[in-house]
Amino acid sequence: MATSLKNLSDTAIQPIPNATGYKFGILVAEWNPEVTESMGKAAKETLLAHGVKPEDILYKYVPGSYELSLGAQYMAEYTDVDAIIVLGCVIQGETRHFDYVCKAVTEGTNEVSLKYNIPVGFGVLTTENQQQALDRAGGKHGNKGDEAAGAAIKMVALKHEINQKND
C-alpha cells in the first residue's frame, strides 16, 4: 500500500495561509468518537495555529457521518461561517451499509459546497478497520482533521483572492 510508509498530512505544495478574520464551522460525528474527537481537536488546533480566533470557530456535533451533510447545510444556511469542516469515520462492516453511508456523505457534502458556494473541508475516513482509522486520526499517517482544516483555510483564501481580483 502506498500509504503504509507515509504521513498523509505532509503533502502540501503551498503553505497554509493566515486565516485571521475568517470564521469556520466544524462538524464532528459522534459515532467512533475515539477517532472523530481526535480529528476535531486537530482541526481546531490547525485553525488556531493559522490565526483563527476561538470565537470564530463554531464547533458542533452530529449523530453520525450520514448526518454531516445536513449539518453542513444548516451551517451554510444559518451561520456566517466562511468554510465548514466535516469530520467523521465509517469503518467497513459485514453489510453494504458502509457503501451507502460513504456515498451519501461524500455526495451530500459536495452538494452543499457547490449549492452554497462555500468550502467544505472533507475529513471523513472510510477505512477497513479501527486501526486504519486511528492511524489517520493522529497516528502514523497524520490526522485527517488537520488536513481538512488546512484545505478549508486554503479554499477560503482562494475564494477571497479571486473575489478581490474581480472587484
Protein backbone atom coordinates (compact mmCIF):
# COMPACT_ATOMS: atom_id res chain seq x y z
CA MET A 1 0.00 0.00 0.00
CA ALA A 2 1.35 3.42 -0.97
CA THR A 3 0.33 4.99 2.33
CA SER A 4 1.99 2.42 4.56
CA LEU A 5 5.20 4.45 4.91
CA LYS A 6 3.84 7.96 4.58
CA ASN A 7 2.36 10.62 6.84
CA LEU A 8 -0.56 11.74 4.68
CA SER A 9 -0.71 15.15 6.36
CA ASP A 10 2.65 16.15 4.84
CA THR A 11 1.63 16.59 1.20
CA ALA A 12 1.17 20.35 0.79
CA ILE A 13 2.83 22.16 -2.09
CA GLN A 14 1.98 25.60 -0.72
CA PRO A 15 1.91 26.60 2.94
CA ILE A 16 -1.40 27.20 4.67
CA PRO A 17 -2.13 30.94 4.60
CA ASN A 18 -3.03 33.11 7.56
CA ALA A 19 -6.73 32.76 8.35
CA THR A 20 -7.18 35.71 10.71
CA GLY A 21 -10.64 37.20 10.31
CA TYR A 22 -12.23 34.10 8.81
CA LYS A 23 -14.94 32.07 10.52
CA PHE A 24 -15.14 28.30 10.41
CA GLY A 25 -17.69 25.69 11.34
CA ILE A 26 -16.51 22.27 12.47
CA LEU A 27 -18.96 19.37 12.46
CA VAL A 28 -17.90 16.20 14.24
CA ALA A 29 -19.74 12.88 14.01
CA GLU A 30 -20.39 11.31 17.41
CA TRP A 31 -20.04 7.79 16.00
CA ASN A 32 -16.50 6.39 16.50
CA PRO A 33 -15.61 9.16 18.99
CA GLU A 34 -12.10 7.88 19.71
CA VAL A 35 -11.36 8.72 16.08
CA THR A 36 -13.57 11.74 15.41
CA GLU A 37 -12.68 13.57 18.63
CA SER A 38 -9.00 13.35 17.73
CA MET A 39 -9.74 14.76 14.29
CA GLY A 40 -11.91 17.53 15.76
CA LYS A 41 -9.19 18.55 18.18
CA ALA A 42 -6.60 18.61 15.36
CA ALA A 43 -8.87 20.66 13.10
CA LYS A 44 -9.43 23.23 15.84
CA GLU A 45 -5.70 23.39 16.65
CA THR A 46 -4.87 23.91 12.98
CA LEU A 47 -7.35 26.78 12.69
CA LEU A 48 -5.99 28.44 15.84
CA ALA A 49 -2.38 27.96 14.68
CA HIS A 50 -3.21 29.85 11.49
CA GLY A 51 -4.75 32.89 13.13
CA VAL A 52 -8.40 31.99 13.63
CA LYS A 53 -9.75 33.34 16.90
CA PRO A 54 -11.51 30.85 19.22
CA GLU A 55 -14.74 32.85 18.97
CA ASP A 56 -14.62 32.45 15.18
CA ILE A 57 -14.89 28.67 15.42
CA LEU A 58 -18.35 27.10 15.66
CA TYR A 59 -17.86 23.52 16.89
CA LYS A 60 -20.89 21.22 16.71
CA TYR A 61 -21.73 17.52 16.78
CA VAL A 62 -24.00 15.39 14.62
CA PRO A 63 -25.01 11.81 15.49
CA GLY A 64 -23.03 10.10 12.73
CA SER A 65 -21.27 10.61 9.41
CA TYR A 66 -24.52 10.31 7.48
CA GLU A 67 -25.80 13.46 9.22
CA LEU A 68 -22.75 15.56 8.29
CA SER A 69 -24.35 16.70 5.01
CA LEU A 70 -27.46 18.13 6.63
CA GLY A 71 -25.38 19.62 9.43
CA ALA A 72 -23.21 21.32 6.82
CA GLN A 73 -26.30 22.62 5.08
CA TYR A 74 -27.59 24.06 8.37
CA MET A 75 -24.27 25.83 8.89
CA ALA A 76 -24.26 27.16 5.34
CA GLU A 77 -27.83 28.46 5.65
CA TYR A 78 -27.98 29.71 9.23
CA THR A 79 -24.50 30.93 10.15
CA ASP A 80 -21.95 33.33 8.72
CA VAL A 81 -19.03 30.89 8.52
CA ASP A 82 -16.59 31.21 5.63
CA ALA A 83 -16.00 27.46 5.47
CA ILE A 84 -17.19 24.24 7.04
CA ILE A 85 -15.12 21.25 8.09
CA VAL A 86 -16.87 17.88 8.30
CA LEU A 87 -15.25 15.09 10.31
CA GLY A 88 -16.44 11.51 10.52
CA CYS A 89 -15.39 7.90 10.38
CA VAL A 90 -17.08 4.99 8.64
CA ILE A 91 -15.49 1.59 9.22
CA GLN A 92 -16.23 -1.31 6.88
CA GLY A 93 -18.56 -3.86 8.40
CA GLU A 94 -20.15 -7.05 7.17
CA THR A 95 -23.01 -5.36 5.30
CA ARG A 96 -23.31 -2.89 2.44
CA HIS A 97 -24.29 -0.15 4.91
CA PHE A 98 -20.70 1.14 4.62
CA ASP A 99 -21.11 1.74 0.88
CA TYR A 100 -24.37 3.64 1.25
CA VAL A 101 -23.17 5.88 4.08
CA CYS A 102 -19.85 6.69 2.36
CA LYS A 103 -21.57 7.57 -0.91
CA ALA A 104 -24.25 9.66 0.79
CA VAL A 105 -21.88 11.73 2.92
CA THR A 106 -19.45 12.30 0.05
CA GLU A 107 -22.12 13.39 -2.41
CA GLY A 108 -24.07 15.32 0.21
CA THR A 109 -21.19 17.43 1.43
CA ASN A 110 -20.07 18.11 -2.13
CA GLU A 111 -23.59 19.25 -2.97
CA VAL A 112 -23.62 21.65 0.00
CA SER A 113 -20.30 23.12 -1.09
CA LEU A 114 -21.48 23.74 -4.65
CA LYS A 115 -25.03 24.85 -3.79
CA TYR A 116 -23.95 27.39 -1.18
CA ASN A 117 -20.61 28.35 -2.76
CA ILE A 118 -18.82 27.61 0.49
CA PRO A 119 -15.72 25.49 1.00
CA VAL A 120 -16.34 22.24 2.85
CA GLY A 121 -13.19 20.59 4.17
CA PHE A 122 -13.83 16.86 3.88
CA GLY A 123 -12.41 14.83 6.74
CA VAL A 124 -14.41 11.63 6.60
CA LEU A 125 -12.39 8.46 6.98
CA THR A 126 -13.60 5.36 5.16
CA THR A 127 -11.45 2.54 6.45
CA GLU A 128 -11.42 -1.23 6.56
CA ASN A 129 -10.83 -1.38 10.31
CA GLN A 130 -10.39 0.58 13.52
CA GLN A 131 -6.58 0.57 13.35
CA GLN A 132 -6.56 2.20 9.91
CA ALA A 133 -8.87 4.89 11.29
CA LEU A 134 -6.64 5.52 14.30
CA ASP A 135 -3.58 5.69 12.03
CA ARG A 136 -5.29 8.54 10.14
CA ALA A 137 -6.62 10.32 13.23
CA GLY A 138 -3.33 11.27 14.83
CA GLY A 139 -1.40 8.05 14.24
CA LYS A 140 1.36 7.18 11.82
CA HIS A 141 -0.49 8.59 8.78
CA GLY A 142 -1.15 12.04 10.23
CA ASN A 143 -4.51 13.48 11.13
CA LYS A 144 -7.35 13.93 8.67
CA GLY A 145 -8.79 16.71 10.85
CA ASP A 146 -5.61 18.73 10.37
CA GLU A 147 -5.73 18.07 6.62
CA ALA A 148 -9.40 19.05 6.30
CA ALA A 149 -8.83 22.28 8.25
CA GLY A 150 -5.82 23.15 6.11
CA ALA A 151 -7.82 22.52 2.94
CA ALA A 152 -10.68 24.68 4.22
CA ILE A 153 -8.30 27.56 5.01
CA LYS A 154 -6.70 27.32 1.57
CA MET A 155 -10.07 27.31 -0.17
CA VAL A 156 -11.35 30.32 1.78
CA ALA A 157 -8.15 32.19 0.91
CA LEU A 158 -8.51 31.21 -2.75
CA LYS A 159 -12.13 32.37 -2.82
CA HIS A 160 -11.20 35.74 -1.29
CA GLU A 161 -8.18 36.16 -3.57
CA ILE A 162 -10.22 35.52 -6.71
CA ASN A 163 -13.09 37.68 -5.46
CA GLN A 164 -10.71 40.61 -4.77
CA LYS A 165 -9.23 40.36 -8.26
CA ASN A 166 -12.72 40.60 -9.75
CA ASP A 167 -13.66 43.75 -7.82
